[in-house]
Protein backbone atom coordinates (compact mmCIF):
# COMPACT_ATOMS: atom_id res chain seq x y z
CA MET A 1 0.00 0.00 0.00
CA LEU A 2 2.81 2.44 0.81
CA SER A 3 3.94 2.46 -2.83
CA SER A 4 0.46 3.62 -3.90
CA ILE A 5 0.39 6.80 -1.78
CA ASP A 6 1.98 10.23 -1.88
CA ALA A 7 1.44 11.17 1.76
CA ILE A 8 0.34 9.91 5.16
CA LEU A 9 -2.23 11.92 7.11
CA MET A 10 -2.55 11.43 10.85
CA GLY A 11 -3.54 13.02 14.11
CA ARG A 12 -1.44 13.60 17.21
CA VAL A 13 -1.88 10.20 18.88
CA THR A 14 -0.95 8.25 15.76
CA TYR A 15 1.92 10.63 15.03
CA GLU A 16 3.40 10.18 18.50
CA GLY A 17 3.23 6.40 18.23
CA PHE A 18 4.63 6.26 14.72
CA ALA A 19 7.36 8.86 15.37
CA SER A 20 8.59 6.87 18.35
CA TYR A 21 8.80 3.65 16.31
CA TRP A 22 9.55 4.16 12.61
CA PRO A 23 12.71 6.34 12.62
CA SER A 24 14.79 3.54 14.22
CA SER A 25 12.84 0.59 12.80
CA THR A 26 14.47 -2.05 10.62
CA ASP A 27 11.10 -3.35 9.36
CA ARG A 28 10.83 -3.57 5.59
CA GLU A 29 8.29 -0.72 5.55
CA ALA A 30 10.55 1.65 7.53
CA GLU A 31 12.25 3.26 4.53
CA ALA A 32 8.91 4.22 2.98
CA MET A 33 7.39 5.33 6.29
CA ASN A 34 10.33 7.63 6.93
CA ARG A 35 10.58 8.93 3.34
CA LEU A 36 6.92 9.65 2.65
CA PRO A 37 5.57 13.12 3.41
CA LYS A 38 3.48 13.16 6.58
CA VAL A 39 0.81 15.70 7.45
CA VAL A 40 0.02 15.83 11.16
CA PHE A 41 -3.26 17.41 12.26
CA SER A 42 -3.13 18.66 15.84
CA THR A 43 -4.20 21.67 17.83
CA THR A 44 -2.03 20.65 20.79
CA LEU A 45 1.35 19.91 19.22
CA ASN A 46 3.70 22.82 18.65
CA GLU A 47 6.13 21.03 16.35
CA VAL A 48 6.77 17.74 14.58
CA ASP A 49 10.30 16.48 14.07
CA TRP A 50 9.92 13.12 12.32
CA SER A 51 11.42 13.29 8.82
CA ASN A 52 9.22 14.81 6.12
CA SER A 53 6.48 15.78 8.60
CA ARG A 54 4.57 19.02 8.74
CA LEU A 55 2.03 20.25 11.24
CA VAL A 56 -1.43 21.58 10.41
CA LYS A 57 -3.10 23.22 13.40
CA GLU A 58 -6.33 24.46 11.81
CA ASN A 59 -9.12 23.23 9.55
CA ALA A 60 -8.22 19.64 8.73
CA VAL A 61 -11.14 19.34 6.31
CA ALA A 62 -9.98 22.29 4.19
CA GLU A 63 -6.38 21.02 4.18
CA VAL A 64 -7.43 17.52 3.12
CA ALA A 65 -9.66 18.95 0.39
CA LYS A 66 -6.69 21.00 -0.86
CA LEU A 67 -4.37 17.97 -0.81
CA ARG A 68 -6.94 15.92 -2.75
CA GLN A 69 -6.85 18.48 -5.58
CA GLN A 70 -3.12 18.01 -6.15
CA PRO A 71 -2.01 15.57 -8.86
CA GLY A 72 -0.39 12.32 -7.85
CA LYS A 73 -1.12 9.15 -5.98
CA ASP A 74 -3.53 8.48 -3.14
CA LEU A 75 -3.39 9.90 0.38
CA ALA A 76 -3.67 7.56 3.37
CA VAL A 77 -5.23 8.44 6.71
CA PHE A 78 -3.73 6.41 9.55
CA GLY A 79 -5.68 6.44 12.80
CA SER A 80 -9.36 6.55 13.55
CA ASP A 81 -9.64 9.92 15.34
CA LEU A 82 -8.68 11.87 12.21
CA ALA A 83 -10.90 9.65 10.05
CA VAL A 84 -13.86 10.28 12.38
CA SER A 85 -13.41 14.04 11.98
CA LEU A 86 -13.29 13.73 8.17
CA ILE A 87 -16.13 11.23 7.57
CA PRO A 88 -19.03 13.74 7.80
CA HIS A 89 -17.36 15.98 5.20
CA GLY A 90 -17.10 13.38 2.44
CA VAL A 91 -13.37 13.79 1.83
CA ILE A 92 -12.55 10.08 2.18
CA ASP A 93 -13.06 8.03 -0.99
CA GLU A 94 -12.11 4.62 0.35
CA TYR A 95 -11.67 2.94 3.72
CA ARG A 96 -9.16 0.12 4.10
CA ILE A 97 -9.76 -1.65 7.36
CA PHE A 98 -7.33 -4.34 8.46
CA VAL A 99 -8.70 -7.08 10.69
CA ASN A 100 -5.99 -8.83 12.69
CA PRO A 101 -6.54 -12.34 14.06
CA VAL A 102 -6.11 -11.19 17.67
CA ALA A 103 -8.79 -10.70 20.34
CA LEU A 104 -7.82 -8.07 22.89
CA GLY A 105 -10.94 -8.22 25.03
CA GLY A 106 -11.33 -4.46 25.15
CA GLY A 107 -10.23 -1.20 23.62
CA LYS A 108 -11.44 1.69 21.56
CA ARG A 109 -14.15 1.26 18.92
CA LEU A 110 -12.96 1.83 15.35
CA PHE A 111 -14.95 5.01 14.76
CA GLU A 112 -15.24 6.15 18.38
CA GLY A 113 -16.85 9.57 18.55
CA LEU A 114 -18.69 9.47 15.23
CA THR A 115 -21.88 11.42 15.91
CA GLN A 116 -23.83 10.62 12.77
CA ARG A 117 -24.48 7.45 10.83
CA ALA A 118 -22.09 6.71 7.97
CA ARG A 119 -22.95 4.01 5.44
CA PHE A 120 -20.33 2.04 3.55
CA LYS A 121 -20.37 -0.51 0.74
CA LEU A 122 -17.89 -3.38 0.65
CA ALA A 123 -15.76 -2.98 -2.48
CA LYS A 124 -13.25 -5.83 -2.02
CA THR A 125 -11.53 -8.12 0.43
CA HIS A 126 -8.02 -9.48 0.55
CA THR A 127 -6.70 -12.14 2.91
CA MET A 128 -2.98 -11.98 3.60
CA THR A 129 -0.75 -14.96 4.40
CA SER A 130 -0.48 -13.65 7.97
CA GLY A 131 -4.22 -14.12 8.43
CA VAL A 132 -4.87 -10.37 8.35
CA VAL A 133 -7.91 -9.51 6.25
CA GLN A 134 -8.09 -6.20 4.41
CA LEU A 135 -11.64 -4.95 3.92
CA THR A 136 -12.03 -2.12 1.43
CA TYR A 137 -15.17 -0.03 1.72
CA VAL A 138 -16.45 2.99 -0.19
CA PRO A 139 -19.08 5.46 1.01
CA ALA A 140 -22.56 4.19 0.14
């Protein structure tokens, strides 16, 4: 998936987790994660220092709409909080949800905080050798 995108969009929580892991990672995805431009949406952060990251403190919807108008590959939103804030504005064309074969017994709901109903249509599925299933949905 990383080869099909031009930028990663994320909120503060995802940024902090990713920025603490990827810069020193030796995983095969690390080079792409560190190289790709990253747009971090946060009203509480004052700076971002992970390579190729920039901070947007205001109007995530307008910024995403502007990014969508630029030529190039897809944009990827990592993290559900940012996605929840964008869903009502119709700026997400496709949702790729990865289901891992692990039961945690608790945790945060995928679209925690969504205040209005959002309908999706299943577009495709892909089962990976690891047992992870990728579900691709589009807005209905």
